[in-house]
Each structure stands twice: as structure tokens, then as C-alpha cells.
Amino acid sequence: MATDRELTHGDCRVLGDKFRALTVSDNQKYVKPDLDPDARAQGEKSIADAANKLSSKWTDSCENNLVGKFAPEESLKCAMGAKTVAAFDACLNAPADPKK
């Protein structure tokens, strides 16, 4: 049986950190391996900076809109196990179970 649990600020921060890590991971493919070290470092820094901004916005939105609401535990576990941003999003934005 599916269980729901109340989201906390800590949940939002942990999920935001996962979102940041996935954003970095998803975008690493755009940093070409044959770049010189300085260009590669700049590309990686740009990705990290963008991921930090996106993650901060995601976390703020979660804290402002979702703390105190209930979410399926399996959706949260799915998001934490996701390997891409698209999978993370799919876990958290899956349609509600019509049987409930």
C-alpha cells in the first residue's frame, strides 16, 4: 500500500541537492573532452553555476509551495534514485493514482 508523508524543509533541500547534481550530470556531455584545460574548467564552472541557480529556485519553490503538503513516499524515493533531470521530474510529477 502506498504511503504519503508530509514534506519538510529538509526534504526540499535534499531534493534540491539531487536536482543540482542531476543538472550537472545531464550537462557534462556538452563539455567536449578535447577542450584545453582552461576551456574545460570554464565550461564545468558555467554548468555548476547554472545548476546552483536552478537548484536554488527549485528548492525555494518547494519550500514555498510544498512544505506541509503530502507526497507519496515512493515518488520521493524515485526522485532520489533518478539518473536524469527528466526522470526526477517524472517521479515527482506523475499523475495522481485514480484509485485514491
Protein backbone atom coordinates (compact mmCIF):
# COMPACT_ATOMS: atom_id res chain seq x y z
CA MET A 1 0.00 0.00 0.00
CA ALA A 2 1.28 3.44 -0.91
CA THR A 3 2.06 5.77 1.94
CA ASP A 4 2.14 9.53 1.81
CA ARG A 5 4.19 11.70 4.07
CA GLU A 6 4.34 15.37 4.88
CA LEU A 7 7.10 17.27 3.11
CA THR A 8 9.55 19.23 5.25
CA HIS A 9 12.07 21.96 4.54
CA GLY A 10 14.75 19.28 4.86
CA ASP A 11 13.07 17.24 2.13
CA CYS A 12 13.10 20.26 -0.16
CA ARG A 13 16.79 20.85 0.48
CA VAL A 14 17.72 17.20 -0.12
CA LEU A 15 15.63 17.06 -3.29
CA GLY A 16 17.10 20.40 -4.42
CA ASP A 17 20.62 18.99 -3.95
CA LYS A 18 19.67 15.96 -6.04
CA PHE A 19 18.23 18.24 -8.71
CA ARG A 20 21.51 20.20 -8.78
CA ALA A 21 23.61 17.06 -9.11
CA LEU A 22 21.42 15.74 -11.93
CA THR A 23 21.55 19.08 -13.74
CA VAL A 24 25.34 18.98 -13.64
CA SER A 25 25.41 15.35 -14.73
CA ASP A 26 22.97 15.91 -17.61
CA ASN A 27 25.03 18.81 -18.95
CA GLN A 28 28.53 17.35 -18.67
CA LYS A 29 28.12 15.92 -22.19
CA TYR A 30 28.26 19.46 -23.54
CA VAL A 31 31.82 19.95 -22.28
CA LYS A 32 33.88 18.39 -25.05
CA PRO A 33 36.70 16.14 -23.83
CA ASP A 34 39.17 17.62 -26.33
CA LEU A 35 38.97 21.16 -24.91
CA ASP A 36 42.10 22.66 -23.43
CA PRO A 37 42.13 22.51 -19.61
CA ASP A 38 41.21 26.19 -19.14
CA ALA A 39 38.23 26.00 -21.51
CA ARG A 40 37.11 22.73 -19.94
CA ALA A 41 37.31 24.25 -16.45
CA GLN A 42 35.30 27.28 -17.59
CA GLY A 43 32.64 25.04 -19.16
CA GLU A 44 32.36 22.97 -15.99
CA LYS A 45 32.15 26.14 -13.89
CA SER A 46 29.38 27.53 -16.10
CA ILE A 47 27.41 24.30 -15.73
CA ALA A 48 27.89 24.29 -11.95
CA ASP A 49 26.85 27.95 -11.67
CA ALA A 50 23.68 27.35 -13.72
CA ALA A 51 22.89 24.18 -11.75
CA ASN A 52 23.27 26.08 -8.47
CA LYS A 53 20.84 28.79 -9.64
CA LEU A 54 18.28 26.29 -10.92
CA SER A 55 18.58 24.20 -7.77
CA SER A 56 18.12 27.25 -5.57
CA LYS A 57 14.95 28.22 -7.46
CA TRP A 58 13.66 24.64 -7.28
CA THR A 59 14.33 24.44 -3.52
CA ASP A 60 12.73 27.84 -2.88
CA SER A 61 9.65 26.84 -4.86
CA CYS A 62 9.42 23.54 -2.98
CA GLU A 63 9.74 25.28 0.38
CA ASN A 64 7.18 27.94 -0.52
CA ASN A 65 4.62 25.67 -2.14
CA LEU A 66 5.05 22.10 -0.91
CA VAL A 67 6.20 22.11 2.72
CA GLY A 68 3.37 20.79 4.85
CA LYS A 69 1.69 19.03 1.94
CA PHE A 70 1.72 15.30 1.45
CA ALA A 71 3.56 13.34 -1.23
CA PRO A 72 3.77 9.62 -1.95
CA GLU A 73 6.86 8.12 -0.33
CA GLU A 74 7.55 6.12 -3.48
CA SER A 75 7.65 9.33 -5.57
CA LEU A 76 10.26 10.81 -3.25
CA LYS A 77 12.35 7.61 -3.34
CA CYS A 78 12.02 7.51 -7.11
CA ALA A 79 13.26 11.12 -7.40
CA MET A 80 16.24 10.41 -5.15
CA GLY A 81 17.15 7.41 -7.29
CA ALA A 82 16.71 9.22 -10.61
CA LYS A 83 19.63 9.32 -13.04
CA THR A 84 18.46 12.35 -15.09
CA VAL A 85 16.54 15.57 -14.54
CA ALA A 86 13.77 14.21 -16.78
CA ALA A 87 13.43 11.09 -14.62
CA PHE A 88 13.49 13.21 -11.44
CA ASP A 89 10.70 15.37 -12.84
CA ALA A 90 8.68 12.33 -13.92
CA CYS A 91 8.92 10.85 -10.42
CA LEU A 92 7.62 13.97 -8.72
CA ASN A 93 5.05 14.98 -11.31
CA ALA A 94 3.45 11.64 -12.08
CA PRO A 95 -0.33 11.77 -12.37
CA ALA A 96 -2.22 11.04 -9.18
CA ASP A 97 -3.37 7.49 -8.63
CA PRO A 98 -7.04 7.42 -9.68
CA LYS A 99 -7.72 4.62 -7.15
CA LYS A 100 -7.24 7.03 -4.24
